[in-house]
Amino acid sequence: VLCIPSFLQECILSGIMSVNGKKVLHMDRNSYYGGESASITPLEDLYKRFNLPGTPPESMGRGRDWNVDLIPKFLMANGQLVKMLLYTEVTRYLDFKVIEGSFVYKGGKIYKVPSTEAEALASSLMGLFEKRRFRKFLVYVANFDENDPKTFEGVDPKKTTMRDVYKKFDLGQDVIDFTGHALALYRTDEWCHTQEEPPRGFALSPATEREGPRLLLCPLLAPGASQEKGGVLSAIYGGTYMLNKPIEEIVIENGKVVGVKSEGEVARCKQLICDPSYVSDRVTKVGQVIRVICILSHPIKNTNDANSCQIIIPQNQVNRKSDIYVCMISSAHNVAAQGKYIAIASTTVETPEPEKEIKPALDLLEPIEQKFVSISDLFAPTDLGTESQV
């Protein structure tokens, strides 16, 4: 198997396949791990990447104290990615720190997403009577079993939308926004209207497990460290990792990939895994994402001076079709100079003026010391790759 990475996926997959005895060659045209989702150090390199004139001011400390992730990645503590990292034992080379709080935007203010029953009772997100109804809803979701009709309580999962379930518990739009977007982490309202088995809103179950609050994790030394460690793991299990390797041609014979040509030589393979930039004729553009990296000298207001947090701005709160996300980490994660914070705001582009779309998030971060703005294209494959093995 030949992996050409620019993203976390390729790095994790090469590690998983090496662990499982596959012969893996991992090539990257860049001189560093991770491509588009790399972690950039020192800070001077980040200025160069975004074509900013001059060098960072002295107030930002030593450049080598910075390790800035281009694409933010918080990990669900009980999510699939953490299970993969544990399976491949990459966790032997990574240390994690729990994110201090998750917040949701409502009516121009941010509120902490309750992670315990005590926090839920004290939260000003809902009124007293709505809290009682919401608690009944959470108990219902936690007990719901699609294989046990006794738990349905009159809800047919094959015919009922999630909005109907909220109606059953007499929960209003603000609670629907908070639950669907801040707890179940859906970025649009599509999930509220579909009929599935069971309705997608029941993905809330992991968020309400009895073992305790759902946690977000962030690797120390920058979230992008996972890429490099995936490559290290691949090498430990016999994989070959090559940086600074230009890709001249993907060799196809009879409609199937047989190798990759680099510097006049062909590395032969039975399967190729790569990011869209290597196969522009096999992908189609489906949208764009704007990301704004912000350097701050202060924690975000109204987060109880948290060293790390996530803020979700549900689409309905700002008249959009998709949510806006903010993630913030700091010197506590060994990614910034002492007393400094890195906040990254991102969202799906919906208009010709992306920077205006992200403004509600940037307003929460003011004053901002330095901004780095990027707009990236999103691609989807034109076929599944089952025949070409690409």
Protein backbone atom coordinates (compact mmCIF):
# COMPACT_ATOMS: atom_id res chain seq x y z
CA VAL A 1 0.00 0.00 0.00
CA LEU A 2 1.33 3.42 -0.88
CA CYS A 3 0.21 6.45 1.17
CA ILE A 4 0.68 10.02 -0.04
CA PRO A 5 -0.27 12.26 2.87
CA SER A 6 -1.26 15.78 3.47
CA PHE A 7 -3.72 15.05 6.23
CA LEU A 8 -4.15 13.23 9.51
CA GLN A 9 -6.16 10.43 7.83
CA GLU A 10 -3.25 9.17 5.70
CA CYS A 11 -0.85 9.26 8.65
CA ILE A 12 -3.22 7.31 10.92
CA LEU A 13 -4.07 4.79 8.16
CA SER A 14 -0.41 4.09 7.37
CA GLY A 15 0.16 3.32 11.06
CA ILE A 16 -2.92 1.06 11.33
CA MET A 17 -1.98 -0.88 8.19
CA SER A 18 1.65 -1.32 9.26
CA VAL A 19 0.47 -2.67 12.64
CA ASN A 20 -1.67 -5.17 10.70
CA GLY A 21 1.26 -6.46 8.66
CA LYS A 22 0.71 -4.52 5.42
CA LYS A 23 3.79 -3.40 3.50
CA VAL A 24 3.48 0.40 3.52
CA LEU A 25 5.45 3.09 1.71
CA HIS A 26 4.55 6.58 2.93
CA MET A 27 5.66 9.44 0.63
CA ASP A 28 5.27 13.19 1.18
CA ARG A 29 6.33 15.97 -1.23
CA ASN A 30 6.73 18.31 1.78
CA SER A 31 9.74 18.46 4.09
CA TYR A 32 7.45 18.17 7.13
CA TYR A 33 4.64 15.91 8.37
CA GLY A 34 0.97 16.66 7.85
CA GLY A 35 0.74 18.89 4.76
CA GLU A 36 -2.41 21.03 4.94
CA SER A 37 -2.99 20.01 8.58
CA ALA A 38 0.60 20.45 9.72
CA SER A 39 1.77 22.11 12.91
CA ILE A 40 4.03 25.06 12.08
CA THR A 41 7.09 25.95 14.16
CA PRO A 42 8.80 28.36 14.73
CA LEU A 43 6.38 31.30 14.63
CA GLU A 44 8.49 32.99 11.92
CA ASP A 45 7.53 30.15 9.55
CA LEU A 46 3.83 30.84 10.16
CA TYR A 47 4.34 34.48 9.15
CA LYS A 48 6.11 33.30 5.96
CA ARG A 49 3.38 30.77 5.14
CA PHE A 50 0.70 33.49 5.27
CA ASN A 51 2.93 36.04 3.46
CA LEU A 52 2.88 38.51 6.35
CA PRO A 53 5.56 41.22 6.09
CA GLY A 54 8.30 41.44 8.68
CA THR A 55 8.85 39.15 11.66
CA PRO A 56 6.79 38.50 14.82
CA PRO A 57 7.07 41.31 17.41
CA GLU A 58 9.20 40.73 20.51
CA SER A 59 6.02 40.68 22.63
CA MET A 60 5.30 37.22 21.20
CA GLY A 61 8.40 35.72 22.81
CA ARG A 62 10.72 33.19 21.20
CA GLY A 63 9.60 31.84 17.83
CA ARG A 64 10.54 28.27 18.73
CA ASP A 65 8.10 28.32 21.68
CA TRP A 66 5.24 28.27 19.15
CA ASN A 67 3.73 25.22 17.44
CA VAL A 68 0.61 26.33 15.57
CA ASP A 69 -1.84 23.84 14.08
CA LEU A 70 -3.22 24.87 10.68
CA ILE A 71 -6.36 22.75 11.06
CA PRO A 72 -7.58 22.35 14.66
CA LYS A 73 -8.33 18.86 15.97
CA PHE A 74 -9.90 18.15 19.34
CA LEU A 75 -10.49 14.46 19.97
CA MET A 76 -13.60 12.95 21.58
CA ALA A 77 -12.35 11.05 24.62
CA ASN A 78 -14.64 8.12 23.81
CA GLY A 79 -14.60 8.64 20.02
CA GLN A 80 -13.44 6.45 17.15
CA LEU A 81 -10.19 8.36 16.57
CA VAL A 82 -9.02 7.84 20.16
CA LYS A 83 -9.89 4.13 19.84
CA MET A 84 -7.77 3.96 16.67
CA LEU A 85 -4.84 5.71 18.37
CA LEU A 86 -5.08 3.31 21.31
CA TYR A 87 -5.27 0.31 18.94
CA THR A 88 -2.15 1.38 17.06
CA GLU A 89 -0.40 2.29 20.34
CA VAL A 90 0.49 5.75 19.02
CA THR A 91 -0.57 6.87 22.49
CA ARG A 92 2.83 5.64 23.72
CA TYR A 93 4.32 8.70 22.00
CA LEU A 94 1.57 11.24 22.73
CA ASP A 95 0.45 13.01 25.89
CA PHE A 96 -3.07 14.43 26.08
CA LYS A 97 -4.66 17.19 28.12
CA VAL A 98 -8.39 17.50 28.76
CA ILE A 99 -10.05 20.60 27.27
CA GLU A 100 -11.35 22.68 30.18
CA GLY A 101 -14.79 23.52 28.86
CA SER A 102 -17.22 23.45 25.96
CA PHE A 103 -19.36 26.54 25.41
CA VAL A 104 -22.38 27.38 23.28
CA TYR A 105 -23.42 30.75 21.84
CA LYS A 106 -26.96 31.97 22.56
CA GLY A 107 -28.36 35.47 22.06
CA GLY A 108 -24.95 37.08 21.66
CA LYS A 109 -23.48 35.49 24.83
CA ILE A 110 -21.66 32.24 25.53
CA TYR A 111 -22.72 29.68 28.12
CA LYS A 112 -20.89 26.62 29.43
CA VAL A 113 -22.28 23.35 28.12
CA PRO A 114 -23.26 21.43 31.29
CA SER A 115 -21.17 18.28 31.72
CA THR A 116 -22.58 17.14 35.10
CA GLU A 117 -26.04 17.06 36.64
CA ALA A 118 -25.04 19.80 39.09
CA GLU A 119 -23.87 22.05 36.22
CA ALA A 120 -27.12 21.37 34.36
CA LEU A 121 -29.20 22.44 37.36
CA ALA A 122 -27.17 25.64 37.79
CA SER A 123 -27.04 26.51 34.08
CA SER A 124 -28.85 29.61 32.81
CA LEU A 125 -29.25 28.03 29.37
CA MET A 126 -32.75 26.89 30.35
CA GLY A 127 -35.50 27.87 32.76
CA LEU A 128 -36.43 25.70 35.74
CA PHE A 129 -39.38 23.90 34.13
CA GLU A 130 -37.50 23.33 30.86
CA LYS A 131 -34.62 21.80 32.83
CA ARG A 132 -37.03 19.20 34.24
CA ARG A 133 -38.36 18.36 30.77
CA PHE A 134 -34.80 18.26 29.40
CA ARG A 135 -33.74 15.85 32.15
CA LYS A 136 -36.62 13.51 31.20
CA PHE A 137 -35.49 13.75 27.58
CA LEU A 138 -31.88 12.81 28.48
CA VAL A 139 -33.05 9.85 30.57
CA TYR A 140 -35.20 8.72 27.63
CA VAL A 141 -32.25 9.00 25.20
CA ALA A 142 -29.91 7.15 27.59
CA ASN A 143 -32.40 4.27 27.95
CA PHE A 144 -33.42 4.14 24.26
CA ASP A 145 -32.62 0.79 22.61
CA GLU A 146 -33.67 0.35 18.98
CA ASN A 147 -33.90 -3.42 19.59
CA ASP A 148 -36.27 -3.04 22.56
CA PRO A 149 -39.69 -1.52 21.66
CA LYS A 150 -40.47 -1.10 25.39
CA THR A 151 -38.01 1.83 25.41
CA PHE A 152 -39.72 3.63 22.49
CA GLU A 153 -42.49 5.23 24.59
CA GLY A 154 -44.69 5.66 21.54
CA VAL A 155 -41.88 6.81 19.23
CA ASP A 156 -41.41 4.73 16.07
CA PRO A 157 -37.77 5.35 15.09
CA LYS A 158 -38.56 4.39 11.47
CA LYS A 159 -41.25 7.06 11.11
CA THR A 160 -40.33 9.78 13.61
CA THR A 161 -38.02 12.74 13.02
CA MET A 162 -35.85 14.07 15.83
CA ARG A 163 -37.90 17.29 15.83
CA ASP A 164 -40.97 15.17 16.71
CA VAL A 165 -39.06 13.71 19.68
CA TYR A 166 -38.28 17.22 20.97
CA LYS A 167 -41.94 18.11 20.54
CA LYS A 168 -42.91 15.07 22.62
CA PHE A 169 -40.87 16.52 25.52
CA ASP A 170 -42.09 20.09 24.86
CA LEU A 171 -38.57 21.44 24.29
CA GLY A 172 -38.15 24.78 22.48
CA GLN A 173 -35.85 25.91 19.65
CA ASP A 174 -33.07 27.17 21.95
CA VAL A 175 -32.85 23.75 23.59
CA ILE A 176 -32.93 22.03 20.17
CA ASP A 177 -30.02 24.25 19.04
CA PHE A 178 -28.00 23.62 22.20
CA THR A 179 -28.65 19.85 22.21
CA GLY A 180 -28.14 19.14 18.53
CA HIS A 181 -25.17 21.39 17.96
CA ALA A 182 -23.31 21.60 21.30
CA LEU A 183 -23.99 18.05 22.57
CA ALA A 184 -24.54 15.89 19.47
CA LEU A 185 -22.10 18.07 17.44
CA TYR A 186 -24.11 18.31 14.21
CA ARG A 187 -23.06 21.29 12.10
CA THR A 188 -26.40 21.84 10.33
CA ASP A 189 -30.09 21.26 11.13
CA GLU A 190 -30.50 18.41 8.60
CA TRP A 191 -30.42 15.85 11.40
CA CYS A 192 -33.56 17.32 12.94
CA HIS A 193 -35.77 16.55 9.96
CA THR A 194 -34.63 13.12 8.80
CA GLN A 195 -36.18 9.74 9.51
CA GLU A 196 -33.54 7.19 10.23
CA GLU A 197 -33.13 4.03 12.31
CA PRO A 198 -32.94 5.42 14.98
CA PRO A 199 -33.21 9.20 14.46
CA ARG A 200 -29.74 10.74 14.36
CA GLY A 201 -30.44 12.76 17.47
CA PHE A 202 -29.95 9.56 19.43
CA ALA A 203 -26.23 9.98 18.78
CA LEU A 204 -26.60 12.01 21.95
CA SER A 205 -26.29 8.75 23.86
CA PRO A 206 -22.46 8.90 24.07
CA ALA A 207 -22.83 12.45 25.43
CA THR A 208 -25.04 11.28 28.27
CA GLU A 209 -23.32 8.07 29.31
CA ARG A 210 -23.53 7.30 33.00
CA GLU A 211 -19.76 6.93 33.34
CA GLY A 212 -19.46 10.71 33.54
CA PRO A 213 -19.18 13.80 31.35
CA ARG A 214 -18.05 13.52 27.76
CA LEU A 215 -14.55 14.98 27.43
CA LEU A 216 -12.57 16.56 24.61
CA LEU A 217 -8.84 15.88 24.44
CA CYS A 218 -5.99 17.80 22.85
CA PRO A 219 -2.50 16.32 22.25
CA LEU A 220 0.31 18.33 23.84
CA LEU A 221 2.93 19.95 21.54
CA ALA A 222 0.07 20.77 19.09
CA PRO A 223 -2.86 18.68 17.86
CA GLY A 224 -1.01 18.10 14.59
CA ALA A 225 1.52 15.94 16.49
CA SER A 226 -0.74 12.93 15.77
CA GLN A 227 0.41 12.96 12.11
CA GLU A 228 4.08 12.70 12.98
CA LYS A 229 3.46 9.97 15.53
CA GLY A 230 1.41 8.00 12.97
CA GLY A 231 4.44 8.10 10.69
CA VAL A 232 6.75 7.05 13.55
CA LEU A 233 4.44 4.13 14.32
CA SER A 234 4.36 3.07 10.65
CA ALA A 235 8.18 3.03 10.62
CA ILE A 236 8.37 0.99 13.84
CA TYR A 237 6.19 -1.71 12.25
CA GLY A 238 8.24 -1.89 9.04
CA GLY A 239 6.70 0.91 7.00
CA THR A 240 8.95 3.24 5.00
CA TYR A 241 8.44 7.01 5.41
CA MET A 242 9.90 9.41 2.85
CA LEU A 243 9.70 13.20 3.21
CA ASN A 244 10.74 15.69 0.46
CA LYS A 245 9.70 13.18 -2.22
CA PRO A 246 8.17 14.81 -5.32
CA ILE A 247 5.32 12.92 -6.99
CA GLU A 248 5.68 13.02 -10.80
CA GLU A 249 2.96 10.62 -11.90
CA ILE A 250 0.44 8.11 -10.58
CA VAL A 251 0.88 5.07 -12.84
CA ILE A 252 -2.40 3.46 -13.95
CA GLU A 253 -2.58 0.26 -16.03
CA ASN A 254 -5.88 -1.19 -17.27
CA GLY A 255 -7.77 1.24 -15.03
CA LYS A 256 -5.95 0.17 -11.84
CA VAL A 257 -3.12 1.84 -9.95
CA VAL A 258 0.17 -0.04 -10.13
CA GLY A 259 2.63 2.52 -8.79
CA VAL A 260 3.83 6.08 -8.27
CA LYS A 261 6.67 7.69 -10.23
CA SER A 262 9.11 9.88 -8.29
CA GLU A 263 12.50 11.22 -9.46
CA GLY A 264 12.52 8.84 -12.42
CA GLU A 265 11.78 5.70 -10.37
CA VAL A 266 8.45 3.87 -9.94
CA ALA A 267 7.42 2.58 -6.51
CA ARG A 268 4.97 -0.22 -7.26
CA CYS A 269 1.83 -0.80 -5.18
CA LYS A 270 -1.56 -2.55 -5.17
CA GLN A 271 -3.39 0.33 -3.50
CA LEU A 272 -2.88 4.09 -3.22
CA ILE A 273 -4.23 6.36 -0.45
CA CYS A 274 -3.78 10.08 -1.03
CA ASP A 275 -5.28 13.52 -0.49
CA PRO A 276 -7.27 15.26 -3.27
CA SER A 277 -4.39 17.47 -4.45
CA TYR A 278 -2.59 14.44 -5.94
CA VAL A 279 -5.55 13.28 -8.05
CA SER A 280 -7.29 16.43 -9.31
CA ASP A 281 -8.93 14.48 -12.16
CA ARG A 282 -10.66 12.12 -9.69
CA VAL A 283 -12.26 14.69 -7.38
CA THR A 284 -14.86 17.44 -7.59
CA LYS A 285 -15.02 20.65 -5.57
CA VAL A 286 -17.99 20.64 -3.16
CA GLY A 287 -17.40 23.79 -1.10
CA GLN A 288 -14.95 25.85 0.94
CA VAL A 289 -13.94 26.35 4.57
CA ILE A 290 -12.61 29.55 6.13
CA ARG A 291 -10.21 29.27 9.06
CA VAL A 292 -8.83 32.20 11.04
CA ILE A 293 -5.92 31.56 13.41
CA CYS A 294 -5.85 34.25 16.11
CA ILE A 295 -3.05 34.96 18.57
CA LEU A 296 -4.34 36.39 21.86
CA SER A 297 -2.72 37.70 25.03
CA HIS A 298 -5.75 36.81 27.16
CA PRO A 299 -8.20 33.95 27.74
CA ILE A 300 -11.57 34.26 25.97
CA LYS A 301 -14.05 36.35 27.96
CA ASN A 302 -16.78 34.55 29.95
CA THR A 303 -14.95 31.20 29.91
CA ASN A 304 -13.82 31.47 33.55
CA ASP A 305 -10.26 32.16 32.28
CA ALA A 306 -10.00 28.68 30.76
CA ASN A 307 -6.62 27.73 29.27
CA SER A 308 -8.48 25.71 26.63
CA CYS A 309 -12.03 25.54 25.36
CA GLN A 310 -14.38 24.93 22.48
CA ILE A 311 -17.14 27.37 21.52
CA ILE A 312 -19.95 26.36 19.17
CA ILE A 313 -22.08 29.02 17.49
CA PRO A 314 -25.23 27.21 16.26
CA GLN A 315 -26.33 28.22 12.76
CA ASN A 316 -29.76 29.51 13.85
CA GLN A 317 -28.18 31.94 16.32
CA VAL A 318 -26.45 33.84 13.49
CA ASN A 319 -28.87 33.18 10.57
CA ARG A 320 -26.64 30.67 8.80
CA LYS A 321 -26.96 27.16 7.36
CA SER A 322 -23.94 25.75 9.22
CA ASP A 323 -22.31 26.25 12.62
CA ILE A 324 -19.22 28.30 13.44
CA TYR A 325 -16.57 26.61 15.61
CA VAL A 326 -13.91 28.14 17.85
CA CYS A 327 -11.21 26.10 19.54
CA MET A 328 -8.64 27.64 21.86
CA ILE A 329 -5.45 26.27 23.40
CA SER A 330 -2.55 28.03 25.10
CA SER A 331 0.94 27.91 26.55
CA ALA A 332 -0.42 25.24 28.92
CA HIS A 333 -0.33 22.86 25.90
CA ASN A 334 3.28 23.71 24.98
CA VAL A 335 2.12 25.36 21.73
CA ALA A 336 2.60 29.05 22.52
CA ALA A 337 4.85 31.43 24.44
CA GLN A 338 4.07 31.96 28.12
CA GLY A 339 0.82 33.87 28.65
CA LYS A 340 -0.26 33.54 25.01
CA TYR A 341 -3.33 31.81 23.52
CA ILE A 342 -4.12 30.40 20.06
CA ALA A 343 -7.78 30.50 19.00
CA ILE A 344 -8.94 29.13 15.64
CA ALA A 345 -12.36 30.03 14.25
CA SER A 346 -13.71 28.06 11.30
CA THR A 347 -16.89 27.55 9.31
CA THR A 348 -18.26 26.42 5.96
CA VAL A 349 -18.26 29.26 3.42
CA GLU A 350 -21.79 30.23 2.35
CA THR A 351 -21.39 33.69 0.73
CA PRO A 352 -18.86 35.63 -1.41
CA GLU A 353 -17.66 37.36 1.79
CA PRO A 354 -16.29 34.60 4.07
CA GLU A 355 -14.60 36.98 6.53
CA LYS A 356 -17.94 38.59 7.32
CA GLU A 357 -19.38 35.12 8.00
CA ILE A 358 -16.77 34.37 10.65
CA LYS A 359 -17.15 37.78 12.37
CA PRO A 360 -19.47 36.56 15.23
CA ALA A 361 -16.63 34.26 16.35
CA LEU A 362 -13.91 36.90 16.02
CA ASP A 363 -15.99 39.34 18.07
CA LEU A 364 -15.81 36.87 20.98
CA LEU A 365 -11.99 36.85 20.77
CA GLU A 366 -11.24 40.59 20.78
CA PRO A 367 -8.70 42.06 21.23
CA ILE A 368 -6.79 39.94 18.68
CA GLU A 369 -3.01 40.45 18.49
CA GLN A 370 -2.49 38.80 15.08
CA LYS A 371 -4.76 37.04 12.55
CA PHE A 372 -3.87 34.46 9.87
CA VAL A 373 -6.74 33.89 7.41
CA SER A 374 -7.02 30.90 5.05
CA ILE A 375 -9.78 29.68 2.73
CA SER A 376 -9.53 26.05 1.64
CA ASP A 377 -11.44 24.13 -1.02
CA LEU A 378 -13.35 20.98 -0.05
CA PHE A 379 -13.30 18.03 -2.43
CA ALA A 380 -15.19 14.74 -2.82
CA PRO A 381 -14.08 11.74 -4.90
CA THR A 382 -15.89 11.16 -8.20
CA ASP A 383 -15.85 7.39 -7.57
CA LEU A 384 -15.33 5.03 -4.65
CA GLY A 385 -11.95 3.79 -5.92
CA THR A 386 -12.96 0.13 -5.72
CA GLU A 387 -11.84 -0.52 -9.33
CA SER A 388 -8.85 1.86 -9.56
CA GLN A 389 -7.73 1.14 -5.95
CA VAL A 390 -7.02 4.90 -5.61
